[in-house]
Amino acid sequence: MKKYILDLTVTENVRLHMNYVLLKLTSSSLLPEMLPGQFAEIRVDGSLTTFLRRPISINYVDKQRNEVWFLVQLVGDGTKQLGKVKAGDTINVMLPLGNGFTIPSHPSDKLLLVGGGVGTAPMLYLGEQLAKNGSKPTFLLGAKTDKDLLQLEQFATYGDVYTTTEDGSHGEKGYVIQHSILNSIQFEQIYTCGPKPMMMAVAKYAKSKNIACEVSLENMMACGVGACLCCVENTAEGHLCVCKEGPVFNINKLLWQI
C-alpha cells in the first residue's frame, strides 16, 4: 500500500486513564485506506530528547468523521509530549505502515481477539472490520487492574467481551491464557497483540489446539520502512524487519519455542 506523510489535525484528546490518551486526528482531505493491524510513525514535536518518530498502532478508523484514532500509552518523554496536544493542533504522521491481519473469506462466530495492555489497541479496528464482514468476534482483554481496561463499551459494539485482571478487580482473576472461555469454545482463528510473554502463551495454546493464529509484534520500529534494521525478528524465512514484513505474523513463521 502507498505510504503518506500527512499533517493531521487533532479533533480530540481524550484522557482514558492517567497513563493513556486517545488521540483522534483528521485531515482536510480524505484519509487513505488503512487496514487493521497496520500502524503509523508519529513525529514528536516539543521534546528535547525525542528525535525519532513513535510507532503507534491504528486503534480505529471512523470513516464517517474522516478520523483515525491512536491509543497512546504515556511512558517516555515522547509519548508524554503527544499526550499534551490539544484540539486544533497539528501532528505529522506517516501511515499506513506494515501489513495487517488476515480477514477470513467467510463470516465466522469463532474468531478470538486477545489483547493485553496497550496491545488491545489494534483489536478494536480489527473487530469492527470483522463485524462489517459478517463475523461476530469474541474479545478477550487482559490488564493489571480494572482501571487499565480501556474502550470496553466500544469493543462490546462488535462482539462479546471477556476480561481478566491480575488483581481480580474486573472479569476473571489471572492472565488471559487462564480465562475459562478458552475451555468452552473451540475457536477457528486467534489474533493477538500485547506483551511478548502473553503472545507466546496464546500462540502455544493455539498450536496445542491446532488453531490458526496471528500475532502483532511490538519490536522497536524506529523508521517504519525497513531501513534502520532496529526491529529485525528471526523467522523461518530468515531475519525480517517487523515494520515492513509485519507487524502481523502467522505463528508458523516465527521461531518461538511453542
C-alpha atoms as a PDB file:
ATOM      1  CA  MET A   1       0.000   0.000   0.000  1.00  0.00           C
ATOM      2  CA  LYS A   2       1.094   3.537  -0.664  1.00  0.00           C
ATOM      3  CA  LYS A   3       2.514   5.397   2.331  1.00  0.00           C
ATOM      4  CA  TYR A   4       1.691   9.005   3.135  1.00  0.00           C
ATOM      5  CA  ILE A   5       3.284  11.693   5.283  1.00  0.00           C
ATOM      6  CA  LEU A   6       0.420  13.897   6.417  1.00  0.00           C
ATOM      7  CA  ASP A   7      -0.134  16.865   8.696  1.00  0.00           C
ATOM      8  CA  LEU A   8      -3.225  15.788  10.613  1.00  0.00           C
ATOM      9  CA  THR A   9      -5.353  17.962  12.866  1.00  0.00           C
ATOM     10  CA  VAL A  10      -6.255  16.889  16.396  1.00  0.00           C
ATOM     11  CA  THR A  11     -10.039  16.793  16.795  1.00  0.00           C
ATOM     12  CA  GLU A  12      -9.969  15.403  20.319  1.00  0.00           C
ATOM     13  CA  ASN A  13      -7.529  14.303  23.020  1.00  0.00           C
ATOM     14  CA  VAL A  14      -9.370  12.012  25.435  1.00  0.00           C
ATOM     15  CA  ARG A  15      -7.721  11.108  28.743  1.00  0.00           C
ATOM     16  CA  LEU A  16      -8.832   7.500  29.292  1.00  0.00           C
ATOM     17  CA  HIS A  17      -6.518   6.816  32.223  1.00  0.00           C
ATOM     18  CA  MET A  18      -3.646   8.568  33.971  1.00  0.00           C
ATOM     19  CA  ASN A  19      -1.292   6.646  31.650  1.00  0.00           C
ATOM     20  CA  TYR A  20      -3.334   6.562  28.426  1.00  0.00           C
ATOM     21  CA  VAL A  21      -4.787   9.086  25.997  1.00  0.00           C
ATOM     22  CA  LEU A  22      -6.880   8.566  22.898  1.00  0.00           C
ATOM     23  CA  LEU A  23      -5.895  10.898  20.072  1.00  0.00           C
ATOM     24  CA  LYS A  24      -8.416  11.473  17.287  1.00  0.00           C
ATOM     25  CA  LEU A  25      -6.944  13.022  14.149  1.00  0.00           C
ATOM     26  CA  THR A  26      -8.465  14.209  10.898  1.00  0.00           C
ATOM     27  CA  SER A  27      -7.433  15.679   7.553  1.00  0.00           C
ATOM     28  CA  SER A  28      -8.829  18.315   5.233  1.00  0.00           C
ATOM     29  CA  SER A  29      -8.732  15.642   2.517  1.00  0.00           C
ATOM     30  CA  LEU A  30      -9.947  12.044   2.636  1.00  0.00           C
ATOM     31  CA  LEU A  31      -7.716   9.839   4.767  1.00  0.00           C
ATOM     32  CA  PRO A  32      -6.014   6.961   2.932  1.00  0.00           C
ATOM     33  CA  GLU A  33      -7.221   3.380   3.234  1.00  0.00           C
ATOM     34  CA  MET A  34      -5.895   1.659   6.369  1.00  0.00           C
ATOM     35  CA  LEU A  35      -6.027  -1.993   7.383  1.00  0.00           C
ATOM     36  CA  PRO A  36      -6.466  -3.381  10.898  1.00  0.00           C
ATOM     37  CA  GLY A  37      -3.052  -4.281  12.282  1.00  0.00           C
ATOM     38  CA  GLN A  38      -1.205  -1.533  10.443  1.00  0.00           C
ATOM     39  CA  PHE A  39       0.496   1.284  12.331  1.00  0.00           C
ATOM     40  CA  ALA A  40       1.769   4.841  11.973  1.00  0.00           C
ATOM     41  CA  GLU A  41       5.013   6.634  12.777  1.00  0.00           C
ATOM     42  CA  ILE A  42       4.145   9.835  14.605  1.00  0.00           C
ATOM     43  CA  ARG A  43       6.550  12.765  14.813  1.00  0.00           C
ATOM     44  CA  VAL A  44       7.012  14.220  18.279  1.00  0.00           C
ATOM     45  CA  ASP A  45       7.361  17.990  18.430  1.00  0.00           C
ATOM     46  CA  GLY A  46       8.424  19.900  21.516  1.00  0.00           C
ATOM     47  CA  SER A  47      10.688  17.247  23.037  1.00  0.00           C
ATOM     48  CA  LEU A  48      14.409  17.863  23.571  1.00  0.00           C
ATOM     49  CA  THR A  49      15.123  14.148  23.947  1.00  0.00           C
ATOM     50  CA  THR A  50      12.919  12.539  21.284  1.00  0.00           C
ATOM     51  CA  PHE A  51      14.459  12.521  17.806  1.00  0.00           C
ATOM     52  CA  LEU A  52      12.707   9.551  16.217  1.00  0.00           C
ATOM     53  CA  ARG A  53       9.059   9.125  15.359  1.00  0.00           C
ATOM     54  CA  ARG A  54       6.986   6.925  17.648  1.00  0.00           C
ATOM     55  CA  PRO A  55       5.312   3.798  16.206  1.00  0.00           C
ATOM     56  CA  ILE A  56       1.656   3.671  17.287  1.00  0.00           C
ATOM     57  CA  SER A  57      -0.962   1.080  16.278  1.00  0.00           C
ATOM     58  CA  ILE A  58      -4.025   2.240  14.400  1.00  0.00           C
ATOM     59  CA  ASN A  59      -6.758   1.927  17.011  1.00  0.00           C
ATOM     60  CA  TYR A  60      -9.769   2.755  14.862  1.00  0.00           C
ATOM     61  CA  VAL A  61     -10.791   4.465  11.641  1.00  0.00           C
ATOM     62  CA  ASP A  62     -14.023   6.466  11.705  1.00  0.00           C
ATOM     63  CA  LYS A  63     -14.788   6.913   8.030  1.00  0.00           C
ATOM     64  CA  GLN A  64     -17.913   8.985   8.618  1.00  0.00           C
ATOM     65  CA  ARG A  65     -15.908  11.594  10.562  1.00  0.00           C
ATOM     66  CA  ASN A  66     -12.746  11.045   8.477  1.00  0.00           C
ATOM     67  CA  GLU A  67     -10.794  10.314  11.685  1.00  0.00           C
ATOM     68  CA  VAL A  68      -8.019   7.943  12.646  1.00  0.00           C
ATOM     69  CA  TRP A  69      -7.590   7.077  16.324  1.00  0.00           C
ATOM     70  CA  PHE A  70      -4.411   6.306  18.229  1.00  0.00           C
ATOM     71  CA  LEU A  71      -4.323   4.886  21.746  1.00  0.00           C
ATOM     72  CA  VAL A  72      -1.127   6.237  23.285  1.00  0.00           C
ATOM     73  CA  GLN A  73       0.480   4.889  26.445  1.00  0.00           C
ATOM     74  CA  LEU A  74       2.365   7.659  28.235  1.00  0.00           C
ATOM     75  CA  VAL A  75       5.680   6.019  29.130  1.00  0.00           C
ATOM     76  CA  GLY A  76       8.531   8.285  27.998  1.00  0.00           C
ATOM     77  CA  ASP A  77       9.054  11.925  27.125  1.00  0.00           C
ATOM     78  CA  GLY A  78       7.991  11.363  23.508  1.00  0.00           C
ATOM     79  CA  THR A  79       4.612   9.835  24.257  1.00  0.00           C
ATOM     80  CA  LYS A  80       4.068  12.249  27.156  1.00  0.00           C
ATOM     81  CA  GLN A  81       4.535  15.137  24.725  1.00  0.00           C
ATOM     82  CA  LEU A  82       1.954  13.555  22.421  1.00  0.00           C
ATOM     83  CA  GLY A  83      -0.359  13.330  25.408  1.00  0.00           C
ATOM     84  CA  LYS A  84      -0.281  17.121  25.780  1.00  0.00           C
ATOM     85  CA  VAL A  85      -1.658  18.010  22.336  1.00  0.00           C
ATOM     86  CA  LYS A  86      -4.947  19.900  22.128  1.00  0.00           C
ATOM     87  CA  ALA A  87      -7.800  20.068  19.656  1.00  0.00           C
ATOM     88  CA  GLY A  88      -6.683  22.109  16.672  1.00  0.00           C
ATOM     89  CA  ASP A  89      -3.008  21.178  16.991  1.00  0.00           C
ATOM     90  CA  THR A  90      -1.203  19.629  14.021  1.00  0.00           C
ATOM     91  CA  ILE A  91       0.619  16.284  14.197  1.00  0.00           C
ATOM     92  CA  ASN A  92       2.821  14.946  11.406  1.00  0.00           C
ATOM     93  CA  VAL A  93       2.041  11.277  10.754  1.00  0.00           C
ATOM     94  CA  MET A  94       3.442   8.679   8.345  1.00  0.00           C
ATOM     95  CA  LEU A  95       0.893   5.974   7.505  1.00  0.00           C
ATOM     96  CA  PRO A  96      -0.285   3.340   6.833  1.00  0.00           C
ATOM     97  CA  LEU A  97       2.730   1.158   7.579  1.00  0.00           C
ATOM     98  CA  GLY A  98       3.252  -2.590   7.708  1.00  0.00           C
ATOM     99  CA  ASN A  99       0.918  -5.453   6.927  1.00  0.00           C
ATOM    100  CA  GLY A 100      -2.378  -6.068   8.681  1.00  0.00           C
ATOM    101  CA  PHE A 101      -4.342  -9.025   9.993  1.00  0.00           C
ATOM    102  CA  THR A 102      -5.931 -11.558   7.653  1.00  0.00           C
ATOM    103  CA  ILE A 103      -9.679 -11.140   7.276  1.00  0.00           C
ATOM    104  CA  PRO A 104     -11.415 -14.523   6.774  1.00  0.00           C
ATOM    105  CA  SER A 105     -13.081 -15.040   3.421  1.00  0.00           C
ATOM    106  CA  HIS A 106     -16.240 -16.283   5.131  1.00  0.00           C
ATOM    107  CA  PRO A 107     -18.019 -14.871   8.209  1.00  0.00           C
ATOM    108  CA  SER A 108     -17.495 -16.746  11.472  1.00  0.00           C
ATOM    109  CA  ASP A 109     -18.530 -16.534  15.117  1.00  0.00           C
ATOM    110  CA  LYS A 110     -15.444 -18.473  16.221  1.00  0.00           C
ATOM    111  CA  LEU A 111     -12.856 -15.692  15.971  1.00  0.00           C
ATOM    112  CA  LEU A 112     -10.945 -14.793  19.134  1.00  0.00           C
ATOM    113  CA  LEU A 113      -9.176 -11.442  19.536  1.00  0.00           C
ATOM    114  CA  VAL A 114      -6.788 -11.378  22.507  1.00  0.00           C
ATOM    115  CA  GLY A 115      -5.274  -8.112  23.705  1.00  0.00           C
ATOM    116  CA  GLY A 116      -3.110  -7.263  26.688  1.00  0.00           C
ATOM    117  CA  GLY A 117      -2.322  -3.772  27.971  1.00  0.00           C
ATOM    118  CA  VAL A 118      -1.941  -1.256  25.162  1.00  0.00           C
ATOM    119  CA  GLY A 119      -1.944  -4.288  22.830  1.00  0.00           C
ATOM    120  CA  THR A 120      -5.728  -4.071  22.903  1.00  0.00           C
ATOM    121  CA  ALA A 121      -5.470  -1.035  20.597  1.00  0.00           C
ATOM    122  CA  PRO A 122      -5.416  -2.740  17.165  1.00  0.00           C
ATOM    123  CA  MET A 123      -8.124  -5.199  18.251  1.00  0.00           C
ATOM    124  CA  LEU A 124     -10.845  -2.533  18.124  1.00  0.00           C
ATOM    125  CA  TYR A 125     -10.419  -1.719  14.437  1.00  0.00           C
ATOM    126  CA  LEU A 126      -9.945  -5.419  13.653  1.00  0.00           C
ATOM    127  CA  GLY A 127     -13.159  -6.265  15.474  1.00  0.00           C
ATOM    128  CA  GLU A 128     -15.047  -3.552  13.605  1.00  0.00           C
ATOM    129  CA  GLN A 129     -13.794  -4.826  10.247  1.00  0.00           C
ATOM    130  CA  LEU A 130     -14.621  -8.444  11.117  1.00  0.00           C
ATOM    131  CA  ALA A 131     -18.131  -7.425  12.176  1.00  0.00           C
ATOM    132  CA  LYS A 132     -18.510  -5.428   8.969  1.00  0.00           C
ATOM    133  CA  ASN A 133     -17.600  -8.629   7.110  1.00  0.00           C
ATOM    134  CA  GLY A 134     -20.431 -10.503   8.830  1.00  0.00           C
ATOM    135  CA  SER A 135     -18.455 -12.147  11.650  1.00  0.00           C
ATOM    136  CA  LYS A 136     -19.130 -11.889  15.375  1.00  0.00           C
ATOM    137  CA  PRO A 137     -15.725 -11.756  17.084  1.00  0.00           C
ATOM    138  CA  THR A 138     -15.029 -12.631  20.701  1.00  0.00           C
ATOM    139  CA  PHE A 139     -12.723 -10.263  22.603  1.00  0.00           C
ATOM    140  CA  LEU A 140     -10.519 -11.429  25.459  1.00  0.00           C
ATOM    141  CA  LEU A 141      -8.816  -8.440  27.071  1.00  0.00           C
ATOM    142  CA  GLY A 142      -6.311  -8.539  29.904  1.00  0.00           C
ATOM    143  CA  ALA A 143      -4.861  -5.884  32.212  1.00  0.00           C
ATOM    144  CA  LYS A 144      -3.369  -5.421  35.664  1.00  0.00           C
ATOM    145  CA  THR A 145      -6.470  -3.768  37.157  1.00  0.00           C
ATOM    146  CA  ASP A 146      -9.938  -2.673  36.098  1.00  0.00           C
ATOM    147  CA  LYS A 147      -8.616   0.865  35.560  1.00  0.00           C
ATOM    148  CA  ASP A 148      -6.275  -0.448  32.855  1.00  0.00           C
ATOM    149  CA  LEU A 149      -9.107  -1.955  30.781  1.00  0.00           C
ATOM    150  CA  LEU A 150      -9.889   0.568  28.073  1.00  0.00           C
ATOM    151  CA  GLN A 151     -12.655   1.112  25.486  1.00  0.00           C
ATOM    152  CA  LEU A 152     -14.816  -1.774  26.750  1.00  0.00           C
ATOM    153  CA  GLU A 153     -18.012  -0.120  25.507  1.00  0.00           C
ATOM    154  CA  GLN A 154     -16.597   0.244  22.009  1.00  0.00           C
ATOM    155  CA  PHE A 155     -15.474  -3.389  21.950  1.00  0.00           C
ATOM    156  CA  ALA A 156     -18.924  -4.556  23.060  1.00  0.00           C
ATOM    157  CA  THR A 157     -20.385  -2.888  19.956  1.00  0.00           C
ATOM    158  CA  TYR A 158     -18.805  -5.564  17.763  1.00  0.00           C
ATOM    159  CA  GLY A 159     -18.841  -8.763  19.815  1.00  0.00           C
ATOM    160  CA  ASP A 160     -18.776 -10.468  23.206  1.00  0.00           C
ATOM    161  CA  VAL A 161     -16.172  -9.129  25.620  1.00  0.00           C
ATOM    162  CA  TYR A 162     -14.382 -11.163  28.292  1.00  0.00           C
ATOM    163  CA  THR A 163     -11.733  -9.771  30.614  1.00  0.00           C
ATOM    164  CA  THR A 164      -9.046 -10.783  33.046  1.00  0.00           C
ATOM    165  CA  THR A 165      -7.234  -8.669  35.605  1.00  0.00           C
ATOM    166  CA  GLU A 166      -4.241  -9.659  37.671  1.00  0.00           C
ATOM    167  CA  ASP A 167      -5.886  -8.413  40.869  1.00  0.00           C
ATOM    168  CA  GLY A 168      -9.361  -9.762  40.072  1.00  0.00           C
ATOM    169  CA  SER A 169     -10.964  -6.306  40.020  1.00  0.00           C
ATOM    170  CA  HIS A 170     -12.706  -6.995  36.677  1.00  0.00           C
ATOM    171  CA  GLY A 171     -13.584 -10.233  34.958  1.00  0.00           C
ATOM    172  CA  GLU A 172     -11.665 -13.355  35.940  1.00  0.00           C
ATOM    173  CA  LYS A 173      -8.559 -13.090  38.076  1.00  0.00           C
ATOM    174  CA  GLY A 174      -5.305 -14.012  36.354  1.00  0.00           C
ATOM    175  CA  TYR A 175      -3.974 -13.840  32.820  1.00  0.00           C
ATOM    176  CA  VAL A 176      -5.843 -14.057  29.512  1.00  0.00           C
ATOM    177  CA  ILE A 177      -4.495 -17.522  28.804  1.00  0.00           C
ATOM    178  CA  GLN A 178      -6.197 -18.726  32.016  1.00  0.00           C
ATOM    179  CA  HIS A 179      -9.678 -17.482  31.120  1.00  0.00           C
ATOM    180  CA  SER A 180     -12.427 -20.127  31.171  1.00  0.00           C
ATOM    181  CA  ILE A 181     -13.709 -19.116  27.722  1.00  0.00           C
ATOM    182  CA  LEU A 182     -10.739 -20.980  26.250  1.00  0.00           C
ATOM    183  CA  ASN A 183     -12.152 -24.208  27.633  1.00  0.00           C
ATOM    184  CA  SER A 184     -15.736 -23.653  26.480  1.00  0.00           C
ATOM    185  CA  ILE A 185     -15.418 -22.577  22.837  1.00  0.00           C
ATOM    186  CA  GLN A 186     -13.408 -24.164  20.035  1.00  0.00           C
ATOM    187  CA  PHE A 187     -12.199 -21.148  18.072  1.00  0.00           C
ATOM    188  CA  GLU A 188     -11.211 -21.252  14.399  1.00  0.00           C
ATOM    189  CA  GLN A 189      -8.819 -18.291  14.367  1.00  0.00           C
ATOM    190  CA  ILE A 190      -6.967 -16.301  17.008  1.00  0.00           C
ATOM    191  CA  TYR A 191      -5.494 -12.816  16.693  1.00  0.00           C
ATOM    192  CA  THR A 192      -3.364 -11.358  19.471  1.00  0.00           C
ATOM    193  CA  CYS A 193      -1.312  -8.317  20.426  1.00  0.00           C
ATOM    194  CA  GLY A 194       0.323  -7.392  23.706  1.00  0.00           C
ATOM    195  CA  PRO A 195       3.372  -8.228  25.818  1.00  0.00           C
ATOM    196  CA  LYS A 196       5.552 -10.885  24.197  1.00  0.00           C
ATOM    197  CA  PRO A 197       5.171 -13.440  27.046  1.00  0.00           C
ATOM    198  CA  MET A 198       1.389 -13.164  26.689  1.00  0.00           C
ATOM    199  CA  MET A 199       1.519 -13.589  22.907  1.00  0.00           C
ATOM    200  CA  MET A 200       3.834 -16.578  23.247  1.00  0.00           C
ATOM    201  CA  ALA A 201       1.411 -18.181  25.704  1.00  0.00           C
ATOM    202  CA  VAL A 202      -1.515 -17.538  23.347  1.00  0.00           C
ATOM    203  CA  ALA A 203       0.498 -18.940  20.432  1.00  0.00           C
ATOM    204  CA  LYS A 204       1.332 -22.061  22.460  1.00  0.00           C
ATOM    205  CA  TYR A 205      -2.356 -22.544  23.253  1.00  0.00           C
ATOM    206  CA  ALA A 206      -3.318 -22.072  19.585  1.00  0.00           C
ATOM    207  CA  LYS A 207      -0.678 -24.554  18.491  1.00  0.00           C
ATOM    208  CA  SER A 208      -1.859 -27.146  21.009  1.00  0.00           C
ATOM    209  CA  LYS A 209      -5.441 -26.811  19.737  1.00  0.00           C
ATOM    210  CA  ASN A 210      -4.431 -26.645  16.062  1.00  0.00           C
ATOM    211  CA  ILE A 211      -5.969 -23.177  15.729  1.00  0.00           C
ATOM    212  CA  ALA A 212      -4.676 -20.677  13.162  1.00  0.00           C
ATOM    213  CA  CYS A 213      -3.097 -17.730  14.959  1.00  0.00           C
ATOM    214  CA  GLU A 214      -1.674 -14.343  14.005  1.00  0.00           C
ATOM    215  CA  VAL A 215       0.351 -12.144  16.348  1.00  0.00           C
ATOM    216  CA  SER A 216       1.201  -8.460  16.077  1.00  0.00           C
ATOM    217  CA  LEU A 217       4.788  -7.977  17.220  1.00  0.00           C
ATOM    218  CA  GLU A 218       5.829  -4.870  19.121  1.00  0.00           C
ATOM    219  CA  ASN A 219       9.555  -4.783  18.315  1.00  0.00           C
ATOM    220  CA  MET A 220      11.116  -1.325  18.399  1.00  0.00           C
ATOM    221  CA  MET A 221      10.256   0.114  14.992  1.00  0.00           C
ATOM    222  CA  ALA A 222      12.311   3.275  14.601  1.00  0.00           C
ATOM    223  CA  CYS A 223      11.886   4.049  10.897  1.00  0.00           C
ATOM    224  CA  GLY A 224       8.786   2.123   9.859  1.00  0.00           C
ATOM    225  CA  VAL A 225      10.071   1.285   6.369  1.00  0.00           C
ATOM    226  CA  GLY A 226      12.705  -1.425   6.915  1.00  0.00           C
ATOM    227  CA  ALA A 227      15.762   0.827   6.612  1.00  0.00           C
ATOM    228  CA  CYS A 228      17.223   1.010  10.126  1.00  0.00           C
ATOM    229  CA  LEU A 229      17.069  -2.730  10.993  1.00  0.00           C
ATOM    230  CA  CYS A 230      16.121  -1.986  14.617  1.00  0.00           C
ATOM    231  CA  CYS A 231      13.098  -4.282  14.590  1.00  0.00           C
ATOM    232  CA  VAL A 232      14.543  -7.437  12.994  1.00  0.00           C
ATOM    233  CA  GLU A 233      12.921 -10.728  14.023  1.00  0.00           C
ATOM    234  CA  ASN A 234      14.437 -14.130  13.340  1.00  0.00           C
ATOM    235  CA  THR A 235      11.859 -16.163  11.417  1.00  0.00           C
ATOM    236  CA  ALA A 236      11.562 -19.338   9.388  1.00  0.00           C
ATOM    237  CA  GLU A 237      12.286 -17.166   6.345  1.00  0.00           C
ATOM    238  CA  GLY A 238      15.375 -15.546   7.871  1.00  0.00           C
ATOM    239  CA  HIS A 239      15.780 -12.188   9.580  1.00  0.00           C
ATOM    240  CA  LEU A 240      12.839  -9.959   8.684  1.00  0.00           C
ATOM    241  CA  CYS A 241      12.046  -6.344   9.557  1.00  0.00           C
ATOM    242  CA  VAL A 242       8.877  -6.334  11.643  1.00  0.00           C
ATOM    243  CA  CYS A 243       7.892  -2.872  10.433  1.00  0.00           C
ATOM    244  CA  LYS A 244       7.939  -3.918   6.785  1.00  0.00           C
ATOM    245  CA  GLU A 245       7.171  -7.657   6.735  1.00  0.00           C
ATOM    246  CA  GLY A 246       4.911  -7.452   9.795  1.00  0.00           C
ATOM    247  CA  PRO A 247       3.997  -6.336  12.341  1.00  0.00           C
ATOM    248  CA  VAL A 248       1.467  -9.154  11.910  1.00  0.00           C
ATOM    249  CA  PHE A 249       2.874 -12.650  11.517  1.00  0.00           C
ATOM    250  CA  ASN A 250       1.390 -16.126  11.392  1.00  0.00           C
ATOM    251  CA  ILE A 251       2.859 -18.023  14.341  1.00  0.00           C
ATOM    252  CA  ASN A 252       4.081 -20.753  11.982  1.00  0.00           C
ATOM    253  CA  LYS A 253       6.578 -18.246  10.582  1.00  0.00           C
ATOM    254  CA  LEU A 254       8.074 -17.401  13.984  1.00  0.00           C
ATOM    255  CA  LEU A 255      10.851 -19.343  15.691  1.00  0.00           C
ATOM    256  CA  TRP A 256       9.226 -19.218  19.108  1.00  0.00           C
ATOM    257  CA  GLN A 257       9.549 -22.248  21.350  1.00  0.00           C
ATOM    258  CA  ILE A 258       5.895 -23.179  21.265  1.00  0.00           C
END
